[in-house]
């Protein structure tokens, strides 16, 4: 009887951890990859040797 109870507690624990991990992965959003170096050039943010210390 103790074996079944410990097995049930283990299954519930693994289930809760996997549910939390699944929800965290599902709701994670990746940043959009629309950046190009041309964006910096048009906004006037160009690195040059004069600006570097």
PDB file of N, CA and C in Angstrom:
ATOM      1  N   UNK A   1       0.818  -1.193   0.000  1.00  0.00           N
ATOM      2  CA  UNK A   1       0.000   0.000   0.000  1.00  0.00           C
ATOM      3  C   UNK A   1       0.869   1.267   0.000  1.00  0.00           C
ATOM      4  N   UNK A   2       1.967   1.232   0.778  1.00  0.00           N
ATOM      5  CA  UNK A   2       2.867   2.384   0.797  1.00  0.00           C
ATOM      6  C   UNK A   2       3.520   2.602  -0.563  1.00  0.00           C
ATOM      7  N   UNK A   3       3.802   1.499  -1.260  1.00  0.00           N
ATOM      8  CA  UNK A   3       4.410   1.614  -2.581  1.00  0.00           C
ATOM      9  C   UNK A   3       3.463   2.320  -3.545  1.00  0.00           C
ATOM     10  N   UNK A   4       2.191   1.984  -3.529  1.00  0.00           N
ATOM     11  CA  UNK A   4       1.220   2.621  -4.424  1.00  0.00           C
ATOM     12  C   UNK A   4       1.048   4.104  -4.084  1.00  0.00           C
ATOM     13  N   UNK A   5       1.060   4.421  -2.806  1.00  0.00           N
ATOM     14  CA  UNK A   5       0.922   5.815  -2.399  1.00  0.00           C
ATOM     15  C   UNK A   5       2.136   6.629  -2.838  1.00  0.00           C
ATOM     16  N   UNK A   6       3.327   6.088  -2.652  1.00  0.00           N
ATOM     17  CA  UNK A   6       4.523   6.811  -3.075  1.00  0.00           C
ATOM     18  C   UNK A   6       4.587   6.920  -4.602  1.00  0.00           C
ATOM     19  N   UNK A   7       4.120   5.910  -5.297  1.00  0.00           N
ATOM     20  CA  UNK A   7       4.060   5.957  -6.761  1.00  0.00           C
ATOM     21  C   UNK A   7       3.086   7.030  -7.222  1.00  0.00           C
ATOM     22  N   UNK A   8       1.936   7.125  -6.554  1.00  0.00           N
ATOM     23  CA  UNK A   8       0.935   8.131  -6.903  1.00  0.00           C
ATOM     24  C   UNK A   8       1.474   9.535  -6.647  1.00  0.00           C
ATOM     25  N   UNK A   9       2.141   9.745  -5.535  1.00  0.00           N
ATOM     26  CA  UNK A   9       2.729  11.053  -5.230  1.00  0.00           C
ATOM     27  C   UNK A   9       3.808  11.396  -6.258  1.00  0.00           C
ATOM     28  N   UNK A  10       4.600  10.440  -6.647  1.00  0.00           N
ATOM     29  CA  UNK A  10       5.630  10.671  -7.661  1.00  0.00           C
ATOM     30  C   UNK A  10       5.045  11.039  -9.006  1.00  0.00           C
ATOM     31  N   UNK A  11       3.974  10.346  -9.402  1.00  0.00           N
ATOM     32  CA  UNK A  11       3.322  10.636 -10.687  1.00  0.00           C
ATOM     33  C   UNK A  11       2.705  12.035 -10.657  1.00  0.00           C
ATOM     34  N   UNK A  12       2.082  12.398  -9.554  1.00  0.00           N
ATOM     35  CA  UNK A  12       1.483  13.734  -9.445  1.00  0.00           C
ATOM     36  C   UNK A  12       2.572  14.803  -9.499  1.00  0.00           C
ATOM     37  N   UNK A  13       3.685  14.568  -8.810  1.00  0.00           N
ATOM     38  CA  UNK A  13       4.789  15.522  -8.808  1.00  0.00           C
ATOM     39  C   UNK A  13       5.362  15.707 -10.216  1.00  0.00           C
ATOM     40  N   UNK A  14       5.607  14.613 -10.905  1.00  0.00           N
ATOM     41  CA  UNK A  14       6.143  14.689 -12.279  1.00  0.00           C
ATOM     42  C   UNK A  14       5.135  15.363 -13.201  1.00  0.00           C
ATOM     43  N   UNK A  15       3.860  15.082 -13.010  1.00  0.00           N
ATOM     44  CA  UNK A  15       2.822  15.702 -13.827  1.00  0.00           C
ATOM     45  C   UNK A  15       2.760  17.202 -13.625  1.00  0.00           C
ATOM     46  N   UNK A  16       2.854  17.652 -12.379  1.00  0.00           N
ATOM     47  CA  UNK A  16       2.819  19.091 -12.116  1.00  0.00           C
ATOM     48  C   UNK A  16       4.041  19.798 -12.697  1.00  0.00           C
ATOM     49  N   UNK A  17       5.209  19.202 -12.532  1.00  0.00           N
ATOM     50  CA  UNK A  17       6.430  19.808 -13.079  1.00  0.00           C
ATOM     51  C   UNK A  17       6.358  19.871 -14.601  1.00  0.00           C
ATOM     52  N   UNK A  18       5.903  18.807 -15.230  1.00  0.00           N
ATOM     53  CA  UNK A  18       5.825  18.813 -16.690  1.00  0.00           C
ATOM     54  C   UNK A  18       4.775  19.801 -17.181  1.00  0.00           C
ATOM     55  N   UNK A  19       3.675  19.974 -16.450  1.00  0.00           N
ATOM     56  CA  UNK A  19       2.653  20.947 -16.834  1.00  0.00           C
ATOM     57  C   UNK A  19       3.204  22.368 -16.748  1.00  0.00           C
ATOM     58  N   UNK A  20       3.953  22.658 -15.704  1.00  0.00           N
ATOM     59  CA  UNK A  20       4.545  23.990 -15.548  1.00  0.00           C
ATOM     60  C   UNK A  20       5.552  24.258 -16.663  1.00  0.00           C
ATOM     61  N   UNK A  21       6.385  23.285 -16.967  1.00  0.00           N
ATOM     62  CA  UNK A  21       7.377  23.459 -18.028  1.00  0.00           C
ATOM     63  C   UNK A  21       6.693  23.614 -19.385  1.00  0.00           C
ATOM     64  N   UNK A  22       5.656  22.837 -19.642  1.00  0.00           N
ATOM     65  CA  UNK A  22       4.930  22.927 -20.911  1.00  0.00           C
ATOM     66  C   UNK A  22       4.305  24.298 -21.080  1.00  0.00           C
ATOM     67  N   UNK A  23       3.680  24.813 -20.033  1.00  0.00           N
ATOM     68  CA  UNK A  23       3.061  26.141 -20.130  1.00  0.00           C
ATOM     69  C   UNK A  23       4.107  27.225 -20.303  1.00  0.00           C
ATOM     70  N   UNK A  24       5.244  27.094 -19.645  1.00  0.00           N
ATOM     71  CA  UNK A  24       6.302  28.094 -19.782  1.00  0.00           C
ATOM     72  C   UNK A  24       6.844  28.112 -21.203  1.00  0.00           C
ATOM     73  N   UNK A  25       7.023  26.940 -21.796  1.00  0.00           N
ATOM     74  CA  UNK A  25       7.532  26.869 -23.170  1.00  0.00           C
ATOM     75  C   UNK A  25       6.484  27.379 -24.157  1.00  0.00           C
ATOM     76  N   UNK A  26       5.230  27.050 -23.928  1.00  0.00           N
ATOM     77  CA  UNK A  26       4.176  27.434 -24.856  1.00  0.00           C
ATOM     78  C   UNK A  26       3.946  28.930 -24.869  1.00  0.00           C
ATOM     79  N   UNK A  27       4.059  29.591 -23.722  1.00  0.00           N
ATOM     80  CA  UNK A  27       3.779  31.022 -23.671  1.00  0.00           C
ATOM     81  C   UNK A  27       5.004  31.877 -23.952  1.00  0.00           C
ATOM     82  N   UNK A  28       6.180  31.265 -24.101  1.00  0.00           N
ATOM     83  CA  UNK A  28       7.383  32.054 -24.375  1.00  0.00           C
ATOM     84  C   UNK A  28       7.317  32.576 -25.803  1.00  0.00           C
ATOM     85  N   UNK A  29       7.562  33.860 -25.937  1.00  0.00           N
ATOM     86  CA  UNK A  29       7.538  34.479 -27.258  1.00  0.00           C
ATOM     87  C   UNK A  29       8.962  34.849 -27.645  1.00  0.00           C
ATOM     88  N   UNK A  30       9.328  34.562 -28.861  1.00  0.00           N
ATOM     89  CA  UNK A  30      10.643  34.932 -29.362  1.00  0.00           C
ATOM     90  C   UNK A  30      10.581  36.343 -29.931  1.00  0.00           C
ATOM     91  N   UNK A  31      11.632  37.111 -29.800  1.00  0.00           N
ATOM     92  CA  UNK A  31      11.627  38.463 -30.380  1.00  0.00           C
ATOM     93  C   UNK A  31      11.579  38.394 -31.901  1.00  0.00           C
ATOM     94  N   UNK A  32      10.975  39.411 -32.488  1.00  0.00           N
ATOM     95  CA  UNK A  32      10.879  39.439 -33.944  1.00  0.00           C
ATOM     96  C   UNK A  32      12.261  39.683 -34.538  1.00  0.00           C
ATOM     97  N   UNK A  33      12.510  39.064 -35.659  1.00  0.00           N
ATOM     98  CA  UNK A  33      13.816  39.164 -36.305  1.00  0.00           C
ATOM     99  C   UNK A  33      13.710  40.060 -37.533  1.00  0.00           C
ATOM    100  N   UNK A  34      13.276  41.296 -37.328  1.00  0.00           N
ATOM    101  CA  UNK A  34      13.116  42.230 -38.439  1.00  0.00           C
ATOM    102  C   UNK A  34      14.230  43.273 -38.488  1.00  0.00           C
ATOM    103  N   UNK A  35      15.253  43.142 -37.664  1.00  0.00           N
ATOM    104  CA  UNK A  35      16.327  44.129 -37.591  1.00  0.00           C
ATOM    105  C   UNK A  35      17.298  43.954 -38.739  1.00  0.00           C
ATOM    106  N   UNK A  36      17.698  45.058 -39.327  1.00  0.00           N
ATOM    107  CA  UNK A  36      18.764  45.055 -40.326  1.00  0.00           C
ATOM    108  C   UNK A  36      19.723  46.195 -39.991  1.00  0.00           C
ATOM    109  N   UNK A  37      20.973  46.110 -40.384  1.00  0.00           N
ATOM    110  CA  UNK A  37      21.910  47.221 -40.151  1.00  0.00           C
ATOM    111  C   UNK A  37      21.465  48.511 -40.841  1.00  0.00           C
ATOM    112  N   UNK A  38      20.664  48.391 -41.896  1.00  0.00           N
ATOM    113  CA  UNK A  38      20.159  49.570 -42.596  1.00  0.00           C
ATOM    114  C   UNK A  38      19.308  50.426 -41.662  1.00  0.00           C
ATOM    115  N   UNK A  39      18.652  49.808 -40.677  1.00  0.00           N
ATOM    116  CA  UNK A  39      17.843  50.560 -39.718  1.00  0.00           C
ATOM    117  C   UNK A  39      18.704  51.537 -38.933  1.00  0.00           C
ATOM    118  N   UNK A  40      19.897  51.122 -38.521  1.00  0.00           N
ATOM    119  CA  UNK A  40      20.796  52.014 -37.800  1.00  0.00           C
ATOM    120  C   UNK A  40      21.306  53.136 -38.696  1.00  0.00           C
ATOM    121  N   UNK A  41      21.576  52.818 -39.941  1.00  0.00           N
ATOM    122  CA  UNK A  41      22.098  53.823 -40.866  1.00  0.00           C
ATOM    123  C   UNK A  41      21.054  54.906 -41.095  1.00  0.00           C
ATOM    124  N   UNK A  42      19.803  54.526 -41.285  1.00  0.00           N
ATOM    125  CA  UNK A  42      18.760  55.516 -41.549  1.00  0.00           C
ATOM    126  C   UNK A  42      18.434  56.355 -40.318  1.00  0.00           C
ATOM    127  N   UNK A  43      18.694  55.844 -39.130  1.00  0.00           N
ATOM    128  CA  UNK A  43      18.450  56.612 -37.911  1.00  0.00           C
ATOM    129  C   UNK A  43      19.678  57.399 -37.482  1.00  0.00           C
ATOM    130  N   UNK A  44      20.774  57.285 -38.204  1.00  0.00           N
ATOM    131  CA  UNK A  44      21.971  58.054 -37.900  1.00  0.00           C
ATOM    132  C   UNK A  44      22.847  57.439 -36.831  1.00  0.00           C
ATOM    133  N   UNK A  45      22.639  56.196 -36.517  1.00  0.00           N
ATOM    134  CA  UNK A  45      23.467  55.521 -35.506  1.00  0.00           C
ATOM    135  C   UNK A  45      24.497  54.646 -36.180  1.00  0.00           C
ATOM    136  N   UNK A  46      25.545  55.273 -36.687  1.00  0.00           N
ATOM    137  CA  UNK A  46      26.582  54.533 -37.389  1.00  0.00           C
ATOM    138  C   UNK A  46      27.845  54.557 -36.545  1.00  0.00           C
ATOM    139  N   UNK A  47      28.394  53.407 -36.270  1.00  0.00           N
ATOM    140  CA  UNK A  47      29.644  53.336 -35.517  1.00  0.00           C
ATOM    141  C   UNK A  47      30.800  53.731 -36.421  1.00  0.00           C
ATOM    142  N   UNK A  48      31.608  54.618 -35.942  1.00  0.00           N
ATOM    143  CA  UNK A  48      32.804  54.970 -36.681  1.00  0.00           C
ATOM    144  C   UNK A  48      33.995  54.908 -35.730  1.00  0.00           C
ATOM    145  N   UNK A  49      35.184  54.981 -36.292  1.00  0.00           N
ATOM    146  CA  UNK A  49      36.388  54.890 -35.463  1.00  0.00           C
ATOM    147  C   UNK A  49      36.529  56.117 -34.565  1.00  0.00           C
ATOM    148  N   UNK A  50      35.948  57.252 -34.944  1.00  0.00           N
ATOM    149  CA  UNK A  50      36.046  58.461 -34.133  1.00  0.00           C
ATOM    150  C   UNK A  50      35.259  58.336 -32.844  1.00  0.00           C
ATOM    151  N   UNK A  51      34.155  57.598 -32.849  1.00  0.00           N
ATOM    152  CA  UNK A  51      33.298  57.480 -31.669  1.00  0.00           C
ATOM    153  C   UNK A  51      33.780  56.442 -30.689  1.00  0.00           C
ATOM    154  N   UNK A  52      34.667  55.575 -31.115  1.00  0.00           N
ATOM    155  CA  UNK A  52      35.145  54.513 -30.234  1.00  0.00           C
ATOM    156  C   UNK A  52      36.285  55.020 -29.368  1.00  0.00           C
ATOM    157  N   UNK A  53      36.274  54.633 -28.111  1.00  0.00           N
ATOM    158  CA  UNK A  53      37.333  55.084 -27.199  1.00  0.00           C
ATOM    159  C   UNK A  53      38.393  54.034 -27.042  1.00  0.00           C
TER     160      UNK A  53
END
